[in-house]
C-alpha atoms as a PDB file:
ATOM      1  CA  MET A   1      -2.890 -23.311  18.894  1.00  0.00           C
ATOM      2  CA  ASN A   2      -3.645 -23.270  15.147  1.00  0.00           C
ATOM      3  CA  LEU A   3      -3.169 -20.346  12.763  1.00  0.00           C
ATOM      4  CA  MET A   4      -6.735 -19.022  13.059  1.00  0.00           C
ATOM      5  CA  GLU A   5      -6.567 -19.087  16.851  1.00  0.00           C
ATOM      6  CA  LYS A   6      -3.244 -17.242  16.796  1.00  0.00           C
ATOM      7  CA  MET A   7      -4.649 -14.593  14.449  1.00  0.00           C
ATOM      8  CA  ASN A   8      -7.744 -14.193  16.630  1.00  0.00           C
ATOM      9  CA  SER A   9      -5.590 -13.893  19.761  1.00  0.00           C
ATOM     10  CA  ASN A  10      -3.325 -11.333  18.096  1.00  0.00           C
ATOM     11  CA  PHE A  11      -6.347  -9.289  17.011  1.00  0.00           C
ATOM     12  CA  LYS A  12      -7.789  -9.259  20.536  1.00  0.00           C
ATOM     13  CA  GLU A  13      -4.446  -8.185  22.015  1.00  0.00           C
ATOM     14  CA  ASN A  14      -3.859  -5.447  19.453  1.00  0.00           C
ATOM     15  CA  LYS A  15      -7.346  -4.416  18.338  1.00  0.00           C
ATOM     16  CA  MET A  16      -6.583  -0.777  19.114  1.00  0.00           C
ATOM     17  CA  PHE A  17      -3.615  -0.894  16.719  1.00  0.00           C
ATOM     18  CA  TYR A  18      -5.784  -2.511  14.036  1.00  0.00           C
ATOM     19  CA  LEU A  19      -8.397   0.197  14.508  1.00  0.00           C
ATOM     20  CA  LEU A  20      -5.856   3.028  14.335  1.00  0.00           C
ATOM     21  CA  VAL A  21      -4.008   1.734  11.279  1.00  0.00           C
ATOM     22  CA  LEU A  22      -7.183   0.945   9.320  1.00  0.00           C
ATOM     23  CA  THR A  23      -8.751   4.284  10.277  1.00  0.00           C
ATOM     24  CA  PHE A  24      -5.747   6.331   9.129  1.00  0.00           C
ATOM     25  CA  PHE A  25      -5.390   4.263   5.967  1.00  0.00           C
ATOM     26  CA  PHE A  26      -9.026   4.617   4.916  1.00  0.00           C
ATOM     27  CA  VAL A  27      -9.189   8.290   5.882  1.00  0.00           C
ATOM     28  CA  GLY A  28      -6.193   8.749   3.569  1.00  0.00           C
ATOM     29  CA  ILE A  29      -8.066   6.963   0.769  1.00  0.00           C
ATOM     30  CA  LEU A  30     -11.093   9.244   1.234  1.00  0.00           C
ATOM     31  CA  LEU A  31      -8.928  12.371   1.289  1.00  0.00           C
ATOM     32  CA  GLY A  32      -7.178  11.269  -1.896  1.00  0.00           C
ATOM     33  CA  ALA A  33     -10.489  10.632  -3.627  1.00  0.00           C
ATOM     34  CA  TYR A  34     -11.906  14.024  -2.599  1.00  0.00           C
ATOM     35  CA  THR A  35      -8.744  15.825  -3.699  1.00  0.00           C
ATOM     36  CA  ILE A  36      -9.445  14.746  -7.276  1.00  0.00           C
ATOM     37  CA  LYS A  37     -13.037  15.934  -6.975  1.00  0.00           C
ATOM     38  CA  TYR A  38     -11.980  19.464  -6.039  1.00  0.00           C
ATOM     39  CA  MET A  39      -8.932  19.711  -8.290  1.00  0.00           C
ATOM     40  CA  ASP A  40      -8.719  22.754 -10.546  1.00  0.00           C
ATOM     41  CA  GLY A  41     -10.049  21.987 -14.032  1.00  0.00           C
ATOM     42  CA  ILE A  42      -6.865  23.038 -15.839  1.00  0.00           C
ATOM     43  CA  ASP A  43      -4.652  20.941 -13.563  1.00  0.00           C
ATOM     44  CA  ALA A  44      -6.961  17.956 -13.958  1.00  0.00           C
ATOM     45  CA  LYS A  45      -6.850  18.254 -17.758  1.00  0.00           C
ATOM     46  CA  ASP A  46      -3.044  18.512 -17.794  1.00  0.00           C
ATOM     47  CA  LEU A  47      -2.782  15.443 -15.587  1.00  0.00           C
ATOM     48  CA  SER A  48      -5.296  13.561 -17.729  1.00  0.00           C
ATOM     49  CA  ASP A  49      -3.399  14.431 -20.933  1.00  0.00           C
ATOM     50  CA  TYR A  50      -0.129  13.273 -19.372  1.00  0.00           C
ATOM     51  CA  PHE A  51      -1.652   9.993 -18.220  1.00  0.00           C
ATOM     52  CA  THR A  52      -3.301   9.359 -21.594  1.00  0.00           C
ATOM     53  CA  ALA A  53       0.068   9.782 -23.314  1.00  0.00           C
ATOM     54  CA  PHE A  54       1.662   7.495 -20.724  1.00  0.00           C
ATOM     55  CA  ILE A  55      -0.775   4.619 -21.176  1.00  0.00           C
ATOM     56  CA  LYS A  56      -0.558   4.932 -24.943  1.00  0.00           C
ATOM     57  CA  SER A  57       3.192   4.456 -24.605  1.00  0.00           C
ATOM     58  CA  ILE A  58       2.526   1.309 -22.543  1.00  0.00           C
ATOM     59  CA  ASN A  59       0.362   0.008 -25.349  1.00  0.00           C
ATOM     60  CA  ASN A  60       2.794   0.823 -28.145  1.00  0.00           C
ATOM     61  CA  GLN A  61       6.173   0.087 -26.564  1.00  0.00           C
ATOM     62  CA  GLU A  62       7.746  -3.051 -25.181  1.00  0.00           C
ATOM     63  CA  ILE A  63       7.694  -2.986 -21.379  1.00  0.00           C
ATOM     64  CA  LYS A  64      11.135  -3.340 -19.785  1.00  0.00           C
ATOM     65  CA  THR A  65      10.179  -5.568 -16.877  1.00  0.00           C
ATOM     66  CA  ASN A  66      13.596  -5.396 -15.201  1.00  0.00           C
ATOM     67  CA  GLU A  67      13.439  -1.606 -15.047  1.00  0.00           C
ATOM     68  CA  LEU A  68       9.825  -1.712 -13.877  1.00  0.00           C
ATOM     69  CA  LEU A  69      10.677  -4.258 -11.179  1.00  0.00           C
ATOM     70  CA  PHE A  70      13.550  -2.103  -9.908  1.00  0.00           C
ATOM     71  CA  SER A  71      11.328   0.992  -9.920  1.00  0.00           C
ATOM     72  CA  ILE A  72       8.563  -0.726  -7.917  1.00  0.00           C
ATOM     73  CA  ILE A  73      11.002  -1.996  -5.288  1.00  0.00           C
ATOM     74  CA  LYS A  74      12.778   1.374  -5.081  1.00  0.00           C
ATOM     75  CA  ASN A  75       9.490   3.273  -4.681  1.00  0.00           C
ATOM     76  CA  ASN A  76       8.402   1.064  -1.773  1.00  0.00           C
ATOM     77  CA  PHE A  77      11.724   0.348  -0.072  1.00  0.00           C
ATOM     78  CA  LEU A  78      12.097   3.599   1.876  1.00  0.00           C
ATOM     79  CA  THR A  79       8.489   3.493   3.108  1.00  0.00           C
ATOM     80  CA  ILE A  80       8.878  -0.107   4.304  1.00  0.00           C
ATOM     81  CA  LEU A  81      12.208   0.655   5.960  1.00  0.00           C
ATOM     82  CA  LEU A  82      10.757   3.736   7.657  1.00  0.00           C
ATOM     83  CA  ILE A  83       7.738   1.884   9.082  1.00  0.00           C
ATOM     84  CA  ILE A  84       9.858  -0.971  10.452  1.00  0.00           C
ATOM     85  CA  ALA A  85      12.572   1.331  11.823  1.00  0.00           C
ATOM     86  CA  LEU A  86       9.990   3.486  13.618  1.00  0.00           C
ATOM     87  CA  GLY A  87       8.819   0.368  15.465  1.00  0.00           C
ATOM     88  CA  PHE A  88      12.140   0.302  17.300  1.00  0.00           C
ATOM     89  CA  THR A  89      11.683   3.845  18.599  1.00  0.00           C
ATOM     90  CA  VAL A  90       9.717   5.111  21.577  1.00  0.00           C
ATOM     91  CA  PHE A  91       7.792   7.809  19.724  1.00  0.00           C
ATOM     92  CA  GLY A  92       7.453   6.096  16.348  1.00  0.00           C
ATOM     93  CA  ALA A  93       3.710   5.366  16.546  1.00  0.00           C
ATOM     94  CA  PRO A  94       2.372   8.780  15.374  1.00  0.00           C
ATOM     95  CA  ILE A  95       4.739   8.833  12.408  1.00  0.00           C
ATOM     96  CA  ILE A  96       3.757   5.285  11.422  1.00  0.00           C
ATOM     97  CA  LEU A  97       0.121   6.373  11.355  1.00  0.00           C
ATOM     98  CA  ILE A  98       0.979   9.432   9.262  1.00  0.00           C
ATOM     99  CA  VAL A  99       2.807   7.184   6.777  1.00  0.00           C
ATOM    100  CA  ASP A 100      -0.328   5.003   6.585  1.00  0.00           C
ATOM    101  CA  LEU A 101      -2.414   8.124   5.972  1.00  0.00           C
ATOM    102  CA  ILE A 102      -0.117   9.120   3.103  1.00  0.00           C
ATOM    103  CA  LYS A 103      -0.177   5.601   1.613  1.00  0.00           C
ATOM    104  CA  GLY A 104      -3.968   5.628   1.752  1.00  0.00           C
ATOM    105  CA  PHE A 105      -4.073   9.120   0.215  1.00  0.00           C
ATOM    106  CA  THR A 106      -1.868   7.996  -2.683  1.00  0.00           C
ATOM    107  CA  LEU A 107      -4.050   4.971  -3.367  1.00  0.00           C
ATOM    108  CA  GLY A 108      -7.298   6.954  -3.149  1.00  0.00           C
ATOM    109  CA  TYR A 109      -5.921   9.747  -5.321  1.00  0.00           C
ATOM    110  CA  THR A 110      -4.621   7.349  -7.982  1.00  0.00           C
ATOM    111  CA  PHE A 111      -7.772   5.241  -8.166  1.00  0.00           C
ATOM    112  CA  SER A 112     -10.083   8.256  -8.212  1.00  0.00           C
ATOM    113  CA  PHE A 113      -8.030   9.971 -10.902  1.00  0.00           C
ATOM    114  CA  LEU A 114      -7.980   6.884 -13.130  1.00  0.00           C
ATOM    115  CA  LEU A 115     -11.710   6.476 -12.566  1.00  0.00           C
ATOM    116  CA  THR A 116     -12.386   9.945 -13.990  1.00  0.00           C
ATOM    117  CA  THR A 117     -10.119   9.749 -17.061  1.00  0.00           C
ATOM    118  CA  PHE A 118     -11.330   8.888 -20.552  1.00  0.00           C
ATOM    119  CA  GLU A 119     -14.393  11.086 -20.064  1.00  0.00           C
ATOM    120  CA  GLY A 120     -15.467   9.324 -16.913  1.00  0.00           C
ATOM    121  CA  LYS A 121     -15.127   5.810 -18.341  1.00  0.00           C
ATOM    122  CA  GLY A 122     -11.854   4.897 -16.686  1.00  0.00           C
ATOM    123  CA  ILE A 123     -13.263   2.205 -14.404  1.00  0.00           C
ATOM    124  CA  TRP A 124     -11.463  -0.636 -16.190  1.00  0.00           C
ATOM    125  CA  ILE A 125      -8.135   1.186 -16.243  1.00  0.00           C
ATOM    126  CA  ALA A 126      -8.543   1.984 -12.548  1.00  0.00           C
ATOM    127  CA  LEU A 127      -9.355  -1.629 -11.710  1.00  0.00           C
ATOM    128  CA  THR A 128      -6.603  -3.270 -13.754  1.00  0.00           C
ATOM    129  CA  SER A 129      -3.814  -0.833 -12.876  1.00  0.00           C
ATOM    130  CA  THR A 130      -4.383  -0.471  -9.121  1.00  0.00           C
ATOM    131  CA  VAL A 131      -6.534  -3.266  -7.684  1.00  0.00           C
ATOM    132  CA  PRO A 132      -4.613  -6.542  -8.384  1.00  0.00           C
ATOM    133  CA  GLN A 133      -1.367  -5.618  -6.642  1.00  0.00           C
ATOM    134  CA  ASN A 134      -3.045  -3.555  -3.920  1.00  0.00           C
ATOM    135  CA  LEU A 135      -5.080  -6.561  -2.823  1.00  0.00           C
ATOM    136  CA  LEU A 136      -1.706  -7.669  -1.441  1.00  0.00           C
ATOM    137  CA  TYR A 137       0.029  -4.324  -0.825  1.00  0.00           C
ATOM    138  CA  VAL A 138      -2.711  -3.052   1.494  1.00  0.00           C
ATOM    139  CA  PRO A 139      -2.623  -6.081   3.863  1.00  0.00           C
ATOM    140  CA  PHE A 140       1.179  -5.900   3.751  1.00  0.00           C
ATOM    141  CA  PHE A 141       1.407  -2.256   4.808  1.00  0.00           C
ATOM    142  CA  VAL A 142      -1.381  -2.666   7.363  1.00  0.00           C
ATOM    143  CA  GLY A 143       0.362  -5.751   8.763  1.00  0.00           C
ATOM    144  CA  ILE A 144       3.843  -4.286   9.115  1.00  0.00           C
ATOM    145  CA  SER A 145       2.358  -1.080  10.555  1.00  0.00           C
ATOM    146  CA  ILE A 146       0.580  -3.055  13.279  1.00  0.00           C
ATOM    147  CA  ILE A 147       3.760  -5.013  14.027  1.00  0.00           C
ATOM    148  CA  SER A 148       5.732  -1.766  14.282  1.00  0.00           C
ATOM    149  CA  LEU A 149       3.100  -0.253  16.570  1.00  0.00           C
ATOM    150  CA  GLU A 150       3.396  -3.355  18.789  1.00  0.00           C
ATOM    151  CA  LEU A 151       7.164  -2.929  18.940  1.00  0.00           C
ATOM    152  CA  SER A 152       6.918   0.794  19.659  1.00  0.00           C
ATOM    153  CA  SER A 153       4.391   0.094  22.427  1.00  0.00           C
ATOM    154  CA  MET A 154       6.825  -2.379  24.005  1.00  0.00           C
ATOM    155  CA  LYS A 155       9.566   0.245  23.856  1.00  0.00           C
ATOM    156  CA  ILE A 156       7.322   2.746  25.656  1.00  0.00           C
ATOM    157  CA  LYS A 157       6.433   0.232  28.384  1.00  0.00           C
ATOM    158  CA  GLU A 158      10.065  -0.719  28.782  1.00  0.00           C
ATOM    159  CA  LYS A 159      11.279   2.878  29.000  1.00  0.00           C
ATOM    160  CA  PHE A 160       8.606   4.390  31.227  1.00  0.00           C
ATOM    161  CA  PHE A 161       7.228   1.439  33.185  1.00  0.00           C
ATOM    162  CA  GLY A 162      10.150  -0.959  33.302  1.00  0.00           C
ATOM    163  CA  VAL A 163       8.105  -3.714  31.650  1.00  0.00           C
ATOM    164  CA  THR A 164      10.125  -6.036  29.426  1.00  0.00           C
ATOM    165  CA  ARG A 165       7.982  -8.278  27.237  1.00  0.00           C
ATOM    166  CA  PHE A 166      10.305  -8.919  24.316  1.00  0.00           C
ATOM    167  CA  ASN A 167      11.853 -12.393  24.500  1.00  0.00           C
ATOM    168  CA  LYS A 168      12.999 -15.194  22.224  1.00  0.00           C
ATOM    169  CA  VAL A 169       9.467 -16.522  21.676  1.00  0.00           C
ATOM    170  CA  MET A 170       8.205 -13.078  20.686  1.00  0.00           C
ATOM    171  CA  SER A 171      11.243 -12.568  18.476  1.00  0.00           C
ATOM    172  CA  ASN A 172      10.506 -15.797  16.601  1.00  0.00           C
ATOM    173  CA  GLY A 173       6.839 -14.815  16.285  1.00  0.00           C
ATOM    174  CA  LEU A 174       7.858 -11.417  14.917  1.00  0.00           C
ATOM    175  CA  ILE A 175      10.082 -13.020  12.274  1.00  0.00           C
ATOM    176  CA  ILE A 176       7.274 -15.389  11.229  1.00  0.00           C
ATOM    177  CA  LYS A 177       4.746 -12.559  10.924  1.00  0.00           C
ATOM    178  CA  LEU A 178       7.128 -10.331   8.978  1.00  0.00           C
ATOM    179  CA  SER A 179       8.025 -13.227   6.673  1.00  0.00           C
ATOM    180  CA  PHE A 180       4.343 -13.832   5.938  1.00  0.00           C
ATOM    181  CA  PHE A 181       3.691 -10.186   5.098  1.00  0.00           C
ATOM    182  CA  PHE A 182       6.832  -9.899   2.962  1.00  0.00           C
ATOM    183  CA  ILE A 183       5.658 -12.909   0.950  1.00  0.00           C
ATOM    184  CA  LEU A 184       2.446 -10.958   0.258  1.00  0.00           C
ATOM    185  CA  PHE A 185       4.525  -7.953  -0.812  1.00  0.00           C
ATOM    186  CA  ILE A 186       6.737  -9.994  -3.155  1.00  0.00           C
ATOM    187  CA  ILE A 187       3.683 -11.558  -4.822  1.00  0.00           C
ATOM    188  CA  GLY A 188       2.201  -8.067  -5.184  1.00  0.00           C
ATOM    189  CA  VAL A 189       5.398  -6.797  -6.813  1.00  0.00           C
ATOM    190  CA  PHE A 190       5.363  -9.581  -9.383  1.00  0.00           C
ATOM    191  CA  ILE A 191       1.689  -8.940 -10.122  1.00  0.00           C
ATOM    192  CA  GLU A 192       2.362  -5.228 -10.660  1.00  0.00           C
ATOM    193  CA  CYS A 193       5.413  -5.947 -12.775  1.00  0.00           C
ATOM    194  CA  TYR A 194       4.314  -8.893 -14.891  1.00  0.00           C
ATOM    195  CA  LEU A 195       0.502  -9.068 -14.780  1.00  0.00           C
ATOM    196  CA  SER A 196      -0.843  -5.509 -14.518  1.00  0.00           C
ATOM    197  CA  PRO A 197       0.869  -4.141 -17.683  1.00  0.00           C
ATOM    198  CA  GLY A 198      -0.692  -6.964 -19.707  1.00  0.00           C
ATOM    199  CA  LEU A 199      -4.113  -6.289 -18.201  1.00  0.00           C
ATOM    200  CA  ILE A 200      -3.779  -2.560 -18.929  1.00  0.00           C
ATOM    201  CA  ARG A 201      -2.786  -3.298 -22.519  1.00  0.00           C
ATOM    202  CA  LEU A 202      -5.756  -5.651 -22.903  1.00  0.00           C
ATOM    203  CA  VAL A 203      -8.148  -2.990 -21.604  1.00  0.00           C
ATOM    204  CA  LEU A 204      -6.665  -0.322 -23.876  1.00  0.00           C
ATOM    205  CA  THR A 205      -6.968  -2.443 -27.011  1.00  0.00           C
ATOM    206  CA  LYS A 206     -10.228  -4.276 -26.359  1.00  0.00           C
ATOM    207  CA  VAL A 207     -12.266  -1.788 -24.285  1.00  0.00           C
ATOM    208  CA  TYR A 208     -10.973   1.659 -25.277  1.00  0.00           C
ATOM    209  CA  LYS A 209      -9.810   0.674 -28.773  1.00  0.00           C
ATOM    210  CA  ILE A 210      -6.494   2.514 -28.386  1.00  0.00           C
ATOM    211  CA  THR A 211      -3.914   1.224 -30.845  1.00  0.00           C
END
């Protein structure tokens, strides 16, 4: 069985998990986007002023990549650990979905806010600061959430129905899948740390003429 066949088989077996995770994630994105729309004008202006000052500092100061790398890993570590740990519990599934909702909300909120800064012309800032790394972060979080939901489902079947499906073959498959998704995450981290700041600086100097 080749890779595409394995992926297709996994999707058919766990399509309900795919549907749940993607639904909660995208509902979170929509909620985040609408939160910006209905934010109080004063709060929105304060946030916009803060962000403008922040991106100007990015443009004028040397970026400490080691500190940025540590910050990115630290900000994601607890969420990743929580999602995976919940997979080994019987009632972890609802919490995993709530975490996905929150991740989606954060992404939607951030993108929508950046989109509306600079008098509504923040499209390039929004694209360069959020899209490159999230092209990898989103599949990563969706992937590990589905894996954790699979594990939690097995725990439920084992506890309440006496069905034991977890074996050495499944364990090896789990390690392979997690390894694949963590590779995506690591690439995303390096993009956010080493590529995105340069793209943001390019947009600020060439598009918005901020010096």
